[in-house]
Amino acid sequence: MTDTLFAGSELLSADGLGPWPILMRPDDIINLKAATHITGRTEKTIRGWCKQFGIGSQACPGAPLEISAPALEMVRRGDIAALELLREGRRDHPRVKRYFDHLGIVP
């Protein structure tokens, strides 16, 4: 499924490691508990999305999972085009900015 969603993306690594991670600013980050509360999904689902779509990061095993709130909302809504724009760093693109505005975060 991931291969289909990210087909044609220039930010896919050629070494089989999946999509490049989303670069996050401190105001973009939420923790796993907040992500489950916001989405109504289980921790297992959120962790799966973080791994599949590269929307979260964990410095080392046991460290807290940091999740990009805008990227999570994009995945939740199935807006992979916006997710790829965010991954490219195009935070001011109207399609991406819409999510930041919705969440009350400055892009």
Protein backbone atom coordinates (compact mmCIF):
# COMPACT_ATOMS: atom_id res chain seq x y z
CA MET A 1 0.00 0.00 0.00
CA THR A 2 2.77 2.45 0.90
CA ASP A 3 4.52 1.89 -2.42
CA THR A 4 1.34 2.87 -4.24
CA LEU A 5 0.75 5.97 -2.09
CA PHE A 6 4.27 7.25 -2.56
CA ALA A 7 4.76 6.21 -6.19
CA GLY A 8 6.63 8.95 -8.01
CA SER A 9 7.80 10.69 -4.85
CA GLU A 10 11.31 12.06 -5.19
CA LEU A 11 11.76 11.77 -1.44
CA LEU A 12 11.60 8.00 -1.28
CA SER A 13 14.91 6.54 -0.38
CA ALA A 14 16.40 4.15 -2.90
CA ASP A 15 17.76 1.95 -0.12
CA GLY A 16 14.41 0.50 0.94
CA LEU A 17 14.10 2.51 4.16
CA GLY A 18 10.79 4.08 3.16
CA PRO A 19 9.82 7.74 2.91
CA TRP A 20 11.99 10.45 4.40
CA PRO A 21 10.74 11.58 7.81
CA ILE A 22 8.76 14.76 8.28
CA LEU A 23 10.97 17.50 9.73
CA MET A 24 9.16 18.94 12.74
CA ARG A 25 9.34 22.19 14.63
CA PRO A 26 8.61 22.15 18.37
CA ASP A 27 5.10 23.61 17.89
CA ASP A 28 4.20 20.79 15.43
CA ILE A 29 4.98 17.94 17.84
CA ILE A 30 2.45 15.97 19.85
CA ASN A 31 2.95 12.82 21.88
CA LEU A 32 1.31 9.44 21.41
CA LYS A 33 -1.35 10.06 24.06
CA ALA A 34 -2.42 13.33 22.41
CA ALA A 35 -2.44 11.66 18.99
CA THR A 36 -4.76 8.89 20.18
CA HIS A 37 -7.03 11.44 21.83
CA ILE A 38 -7.21 13.68 18.75
CA THR A 39 -7.80 10.88 16.25
CA GLY A 40 -9.77 8.40 18.33
CA ARG A 41 -7.43 5.68 17.03
CA THR A 42 -5.45 3.18 19.07
CA GLU A 43 -1.77 3.51 19.98
CA LYS A 44 -1.08 0.56 17.69
CA THR A 45 -2.70 2.35 14.73
CA ILE A 46 -0.83 5.60 15.41
CA ARG A 47 2.49 3.76 15.74
CA GLY A 48 1.74 1.97 12.47
CA TRP A 49 1.01 5.26 10.70
CA CYS A 50 4.22 6.77 12.09
CA LYS A 51 6.22 3.89 10.69
CA GLN A 52 4.34 3.58 7.39
CA PHE A 53 4.12 7.28 6.55
CA GLY A 54 7.20 8.63 8.37
CA ILE A 55 5.18 11.13 10.43
CA GLY A 56 6.86 10.50 13.77
CA SER A 57 10.30 10.04 15.21
CA GLN A 58 11.87 8.37 18.20
CA ALA A 59 15.44 9.28 19.14
CA CYS A 60 16.17 5.81 20.50
CA PRO A 61 14.27 2.80 21.85
CA GLY A 62 12.38 3.80 24.97
CA ALA A 63 12.40 7.50 24.05
CA PRO A 64 9.03 9.19 23.60
CA LEU A 65 7.50 9.09 20.15
CA GLU A 66 7.26 12.59 18.67
CA ILE A 67 4.49 12.93 16.08
CA SER A 68 3.89 15.73 13.59
CA ALA A 69 0.34 16.94 14.31
CA PRO A 70 -0.19 18.36 10.79
CA ALA A 71 1.17 15.19 9.16
CA LEU A 72 -1.03 13.03 11.40
CA GLU A 73 -4.09 15.02 10.34
CA MET A 74 -3.09 14.63 6.68
CA VAL A 75 -2.79 10.85 7.07
CA ARG A 76 -6.06 10.74 8.99
CA ARG A 77 -7.80 12.52 6.10
CA GLY A 78 -6.00 10.48 3.44
CA ASP A 79 -4.40 13.60 1.95
CA ILE A 80 -1.15 12.06 0.76
CA ALA A 81 -0.54 14.93 -1.68
CA ALA A 82 -0.43 17.40 1.24
CA LEU A 83 1.78 15.00 3.19
CA GLU A 84 4.30 14.86 0.34
CA LEU A 85 4.29 18.66 0.07
CA LEU A 86 5.00 18.87 3.81
CA ARG A 87 7.75 16.27 3.43
CA GLU A 88 9.30 18.53 0.75
CA GLY A 89 9.27 21.42 3.24
CA ARG A 90 6.56 23.37 1.43
CA ARG A 91 4.79 24.52 4.60
CA ASP A 92 3.37 27.64 2.90
CA HIS A 93 1.66 25.72 0.09
CA PRO A 94 -2.12 26.33 0.37
CA ARG A 95 -2.87 22.62 0.61
CA VAL A 96 -0.43 22.24 3.53
CA LYS A 97 -1.13 25.58 5.19
CA ARG A 98 -4.78 24.58 5.49
CA TYR A 99 -3.85 21.88 8.02
CA PHE A 100 -1.65 24.23 10.05
CA ASP A 101 -4.49 26.76 10.16
CA HIS A 102 -6.97 24.06 11.18
CA LEU A 103 -4.72 23.04 14.08
CA GLY A 104 -3.87 26.61 15.08
CA ILE A 105 -0.16 26.17 14.31
CA VAL A 106 1.95 28.80 12.54
CA PRO A 107 3.57 27.20 9.45
